[in-house]
Amino acid sequence: MFCVIYRSTKRDQTYLYVEKKDDFSRVPEELMQGFGQPKLVMILPLDGRKKLVNADLDKVKQALADQGYYLQLPPPPENLLKQYLAENGKK
């Protein structure tokens, strides 16, 4: 199984995985409008792979099979003040 990964031009650190290059037929139109013009990042074989860097491999495979796409959103921003206070025993 292969997937094709595109980067969003409207949302930083947002990626769209699809089954075939330039085939967005199973991606909802509303999602595509919010995603912007997709920029090709890579074509990635999923078979034989144990993990992905920023996505759960099993969820990606399942989403591709069920809905034809997987949307990877950016991680939530770090709250550095909260982290600092926790490390220093303050609330």
N, C-alpha and C. Protein backbone atom coordinates (compact mmCIF):
# COMPACT_ATOMS: atom_id res chain seq x y z
N MET A 1 0.84 -1.18 0.00
CA MET A 1 0.00 0.00 0.00
C MET A 1 0.89 1.24 0.00
N PHE A 2 0.56 2.19 -0.87
CA PHE A 2 1.27 3.46 -0.94
C PHE A 2 0.32 4.58 -0.53
N CYS A 3 0.88 5.68 -0.09
CA CYS A 3 0.09 6.89 0.11
C CYS A 3 0.89 8.06 -0.43
N VAL A 4 0.16 9.08 -0.79
CA VAL A 4 0.76 10.30 -1.32
C VAL A 4 0.46 11.40 -0.31
N ILE A 5 1.48 12.14 0.10
CA ILE A 5 1.32 13.15 1.15
C ILE A 5 1.47 14.54 0.54
N TYR A 6 0.50 15.40 0.89
CA TYR A 6 0.49 16.79 0.42
C TYR A 6 0.50 17.72 1.61
N ARG A 7 1.16 18.86 1.44
CA ARG A 7 1.23 19.91 2.46
C ARG A 7 0.18 20.97 2.14
N SER A 8 -0.45 21.50 3.16
CA SER A 8 -1.43 22.57 2.99
C SER A 8 -0.74 23.90 2.75
N THR A 9 -1.31 24.70 1.86
CA THR A 9 -0.80 26.06 1.64
C THR A 9 -1.52 27.07 2.52
N LYS A 10 -2.57 26.65 3.19
CA LYS A 10 -3.34 27.56 4.05
C LYS A 10 -3.12 27.32 5.54
N ARG A 11 -2.73 26.11 5.90
CA ARG A 11 -2.58 25.77 7.32
C ARG A 11 -1.21 25.16 7.57
N ASP A 12 -0.45 25.82 8.41
CA ASP A 12 0.90 25.37 8.73
C ASP A 12 0.88 24.00 9.39
N GLN A 13 1.82 23.14 9.03
CA GLN A 13 2.00 21.81 9.59
C GLN A 13 0.77 20.91 9.43
N THR A 14 0.01 21.11 8.36
CA THR A 14 -1.16 20.30 8.08
C THR A 14 -0.91 19.52 6.79
N TYR A 15 -1.15 18.21 6.84
CA TYR A 15 -0.84 17.34 5.71
C TYR A 15 -2.04 16.47 5.37
N LEU A 16 -2.19 16.18 4.09
CA LEU A 16 -3.27 15.34 3.60
C LEU A 16 -2.67 14.11 2.93
N TYR A 17 -3.08 12.93 3.38
CA TYR A 17 -2.62 11.67 2.81
C TYR A 17 -3.74 11.13 1.94
N VAL A 18 -3.43 10.76 0.69
CA VAL A 18 -4.40 10.14 -0.20
C VAL A 18 -3.78 8.88 -0.81
N GLU A 19 -4.61 8.08 -1.45
CA GLU A 19 -4.14 6.80 -2.00
C GLU A 19 -3.40 6.94 -3.31
N LYS A 20 -3.81 7.89 -4.15
CA LYS A 20 -3.22 8.04 -5.48
C LYS A 20 -2.84 9.49 -5.72
N LYS A 21 -1.75 9.66 -6.46
CA LYS A 21 -1.26 11.01 -6.75
C LYS A 21 -2.32 11.84 -7.48
N ASP A 22 -2.55 13.03 -6.96
CA ASP A 22 -3.48 14.01 -7.52
C ASP A 22 -4.92 13.52 -7.60
N ASP A 23 -5.29 12.52 -6.81
CA ASP A 23 -6.67 12.03 -6.78
C ASP A 23 -7.31 12.45 -5.46
N PHE A 24 -8.07 13.55 -5.52
CA PHE A 24 -8.74 14.08 -4.33
C PHE A 24 -10.25 13.83 -4.40
N SER A 25 -10.65 12.86 -5.21
CA SER A 25 -12.07 12.61 -5.46
C SER A 25 -12.83 12.17 -4.20
N ARG A 26 -12.15 11.54 -3.25
CA ARG A 26 -12.82 11.08 -2.02
C ARG A 26 -12.67 12.06 -0.86
N VAL A 27 -11.99 13.18 -1.10
CA VAL A 27 -11.80 14.20 -0.07
C VAL A 27 -12.95 15.19 -0.15
N PRO A 28 -13.63 15.47 0.97
CA PRO A 28 -14.75 16.42 0.94
C PRO A 28 -14.31 17.79 0.40
N GLU A 29 -15.19 18.41 -0.36
CA GLU A 29 -14.91 19.71 -0.98
C GLU A 29 -14.60 20.77 0.08
N GLU A 30 -15.32 20.74 1.21
CA GLU A 30 -15.09 21.73 2.27
C GLU A 30 -13.67 21.61 2.83
N LEU A 31 -13.21 20.37 2.97
CA LEU A 31 -11.84 20.16 3.46
C LEU A 31 -10.84 20.72 2.46
N MET A 32 -11.05 20.46 1.19
CA MET A 32 -10.13 20.94 0.16
C MET A 32 -10.09 22.47 0.11
N GLN A 33 -11.23 23.12 0.32
CA GLN A 33 -11.26 24.58 0.31
C GLN A 33 -10.45 25.15 1.47
N GLY A 34 -10.57 24.53 2.65
CA GLY A 34 -9.81 24.98 3.81
C GLY A 34 -8.34 24.59 3.76
N PHE A 35 -8.03 23.56 2.99
CA PHE A 35 -6.67 23.06 2.88
C PHE A 35 -5.82 23.92 1.95
N GLY A 36 -6.46 24.48 0.94
CA GLY A 36 -5.73 25.28 -0.05
C GLY A 36 -5.16 24.40 -1.15
N GLN A 37 -4.27 24.96 -1.95
CA GLN A 37 -3.66 24.23 -3.05
C GLN A 37 -2.68 23.19 -2.49
N PRO A 38 -2.96 21.89 -2.69
CA PRO A 38 -2.06 20.86 -2.15
C PRO A 38 -0.68 20.91 -2.83
N LYS A 39 0.37 20.83 -2.02
CA LYS A 39 1.75 20.78 -2.52
C LYS A 39 2.31 19.40 -2.20
N LEU A 40 2.73 18.68 -3.24
CA LEU A 40 3.25 17.33 -3.07
C LEU A 40 4.49 17.34 -2.17
N VAL A 41 4.47 16.47 -1.16
CA VAL A 41 5.61 16.32 -0.26
C VAL A 41 6.36 15.04 -0.59
N MET A 42 5.63 13.90 -0.65
CA MET A 42 6.29 12.63 -0.94
C MET A 42 5.27 11.54 -1.24
N ILE A 43 5.76 10.49 -1.86
CA ILE A 43 5.02 9.25 -2.05
C ILE A 43 5.68 8.24 -1.12
N LEU A 44 4.87 7.62 -0.29
CA LEU A 44 5.41 6.80 0.80
C LEU A 44 4.81 5.40 0.80
N PRO A 45 5.64 4.35 0.75
CA PRO A 45 5.10 3.00 0.90
C PRO A 45 4.76 2.74 2.37
N LEU A 46 3.56 2.23 2.62
CA LEU A 46 3.14 1.95 3.99
C LEU A 46 3.38 0.50 4.39
N ASP A 47 3.40 -0.40 3.42
CA ASP A 47 3.63 -1.81 3.73
C ASP A 47 5.06 -2.02 4.22
N GLY A 48 5.20 -2.83 5.25
CA GLY A 48 6.51 -3.12 5.81
C GLY A 48 7.02 -2.05 6.76
N ARG A 49 6.29 -0.97 6.88
CA ARG A 49 6.66 0.13 7.77
C ARG A 49 6.09 -0.16 9.16
N LYS A 50 6.84 0.18 10.19
CA LYS A 50 6.38 -0.06 11.56
C LYS A 50 5.74 1.18 12.17
N LYS A 51 6.17 2.36 11.73
CA LYS A 51 5.58 3.58 12.28
C LYS A 51 5.82 4.75 11.34
N LEU A 52 5.11 5.83 11.61
CA LEU A 52 5.30 7.10 10.92
C LEU A 52 5.75 8.12 11.95
N VAL A 53 6.35 9.20 11.51
CA VAL A 53 6.91 10.18 12.44
C VAL A 53 5.82 10.89 13.25
N ASN A 54 4.84 11.49 12.58
CA ASN A 54 3.85 12.29 13.30
C ASN A 54 2.42 11.80 13.14
N ALA A 55 2.25 10.54 12.78
CA ALA A 55 0.91 9.98 12.62
C ALA A 55 0.93 8.51 13.01
N ASP A 56 -0.21 8.02 13.44
CA ASP A 56 -0.36 6.62 13.80
C ASP A 56 -0.56 5.80 12.52
N LEU A 57 0.35 4.90 12.23
CA LEU A 57 0.33 4.12 10.99
C LEU A 57 -0.99 3.38 10.80
N ASP A 58 -1.49 2.74 11.85
CA ASP A 58 -2.74 1.99 11.73
C ASP A 58 -3.92 2.90 11.43
N LYS A 59 -3.94 4.07 12.05
CA LYS A 59 -5.03 5.03 11.79
C LYS A 59 -4.96 5.55 10.35
N VAL A 60 -3.76 5.78 9.85
CA VAL A 60 -3.59 6.25 8.48
C VAL A 60 -4.10 5.19 7.51
N LYS A 61 -3.67 3.95 7.70
CA LYS A 61 -4.11 2.86 6.81
C LYS A 61 -5.63 2.69 6.86
N GLN A 62 -6.19 2.73 8.05
CA GLN A 62 -7.64 2.56 8.21
C GLN A 62 -8.41 3.70 7.55
N ALA A 63 -7.95 4.93 7.75
CA ALA A 63 -8.62 6.08 7.15
C ALA A 63 -8.53 6.04 5.63
N LEU A 64 -7.39 5.65 5.10
CA LEU A 64 -7.25 5.54 3.65
C LEU A 64 -8.20 4.49 3.09
N ALA A 65 -8.33 3.37 3.78
CA ALA A 65 -9.23 2.30 3.31
C ALA A 65 -10.70 2.71 3.44
N ASP A 66 -11.05 3.34 4.56
CA ASP A 66 -12.46 3.68 4.83
C ASP A 66 -12.95 4.91 4.07
N GLN A 67 -12.16 5.99 4.12
CA GLN A 67 -12.65 7.25 3.56
C GLN A 67 -11.81 7.78 2.41
N GLY A 68 -10.66 7.16 2.15
CA GLY A 68 -9.84 7.56 1.01
C GLY A 68 -8.85 8.67 1.28
N TYR A 69 -8.79 9.15 2.52
CA TYR A 69 -7.83 10.20 2.89
C TYR A 69 -7.58 10.17 4.39
N TYR A 70 -6.49 10.80 4.79
CA TYR A 70 -6.17 10.99 6.21
C TYR A 70 -5.65 12.41 6.34
N LEU A 71 -6.17 13.16 7.30
CA LEU A 71 -5.74 14.53 7.54
C LEU A 71 -4.89 14.57 8.80
N GLN A 72 -3.63 15.01 8.64
CA GLN A 72 -2.72 15.14 9.78
C GLN A 72 -2.68 16.61 10.20
N LEU A 73 -3.15 16.87 11.40
CA LEU A 73 -3.17 18.23 11.93
C LEU A 73 -1.91 18.50 12.75
N PRO A 74 -1.55 19.76 12.93
CA PRO A 74 -0.36 20.06 13.73
C PRO A 74 -0.58 19.72 15.20
N PRO A 75 0.50 19.43 15.91
CA PRO A 75 0.36 19.17 17.35
C PRO A 75 -0.09 20.43 18.07
N PRO A 76 -0.76 20.28 19.21
CA PRO A 76 -1.18 21.48 19.94
C PRO A 76 0.04 22.27 20.42
N PRO A 77 -0.08 23.58 20.51
CA PRO A 77 1.06 24.38 20.95
C PRO A 77 1.43 24.07 22.40
N GLU A 78 2.72 24.13 22.68
CA GLU A 78 3.18 23.89 24.04
C GLU A 78 2.88 25.10 24.91
N ASN A 79 2.47 24.82 26.13
CA ASN A 79 2.28 25.89 27.10
C ASN A 79 3.55 25.93 27.95
N LEU A 80 4.49 26.77 27.55
CA LEU A 80 5.79 26.80 28.21
C LEU A 80 5.71 27.30 29.65
N LEU A 81 4.79 28.22 29.92
CA LEU A 81 4.63 28.71 31.29
C LEU A 81 4.15 27.57 32.20
N LYS A 82 3.16 26.83 31.73
CA LYS A 82 2.65 25.70 32.52
C LYS A 82 3.75 24.67 32.75
N GLN A 83 4.53 24.39 31.74
CA GLN A 83 5.63 23.43 31.85
C GLN A 83 6.67 23.94 32.85
N TYR A 84 7.02 25.20 32.79
CA TYR A 84 7.99 25.79 33.71
C TYR A 84 7.49 25.70 35.16
N LEU A 85 6.23 26.07 35.37
CA LEU A 85 5.67 26.04 36.72
C LEU A 85 5.61 24.61 37.26
N ALA A 86 5.28 23.63 36.41
CA ALA A 86 5.21 22.24 36.84
C ALA A 86 6.59 21.73 37.23
N GLU A 87 7.60 22.11 36.47
CA GLU A 87 8.97 21.67 36.75
C GLU A 87 9.52 22.30 38.04
N ASN A 88 9.02 23.45 38.39
CA ASN A 88 9.51 24.15 39.56
C ASN A 88 8.58 24.03 40.76
N GLY A 89 7.59 23.12 40.67
CA GLY A 89 6.71 22.83 41.80
C GLY A 89 5.74 23.94 42.14
N LYS A 90 5.40 24.78 41.21
CA LYS A 90 4.45 25.87 41.46
C LYS A 90 3.21 25.67 40.61
N LYS A 91 2.10 26.20 41.09
CA LYS A 91 0.85 26.09 40.32
C LYS A 91 0.37 27.45 39.92
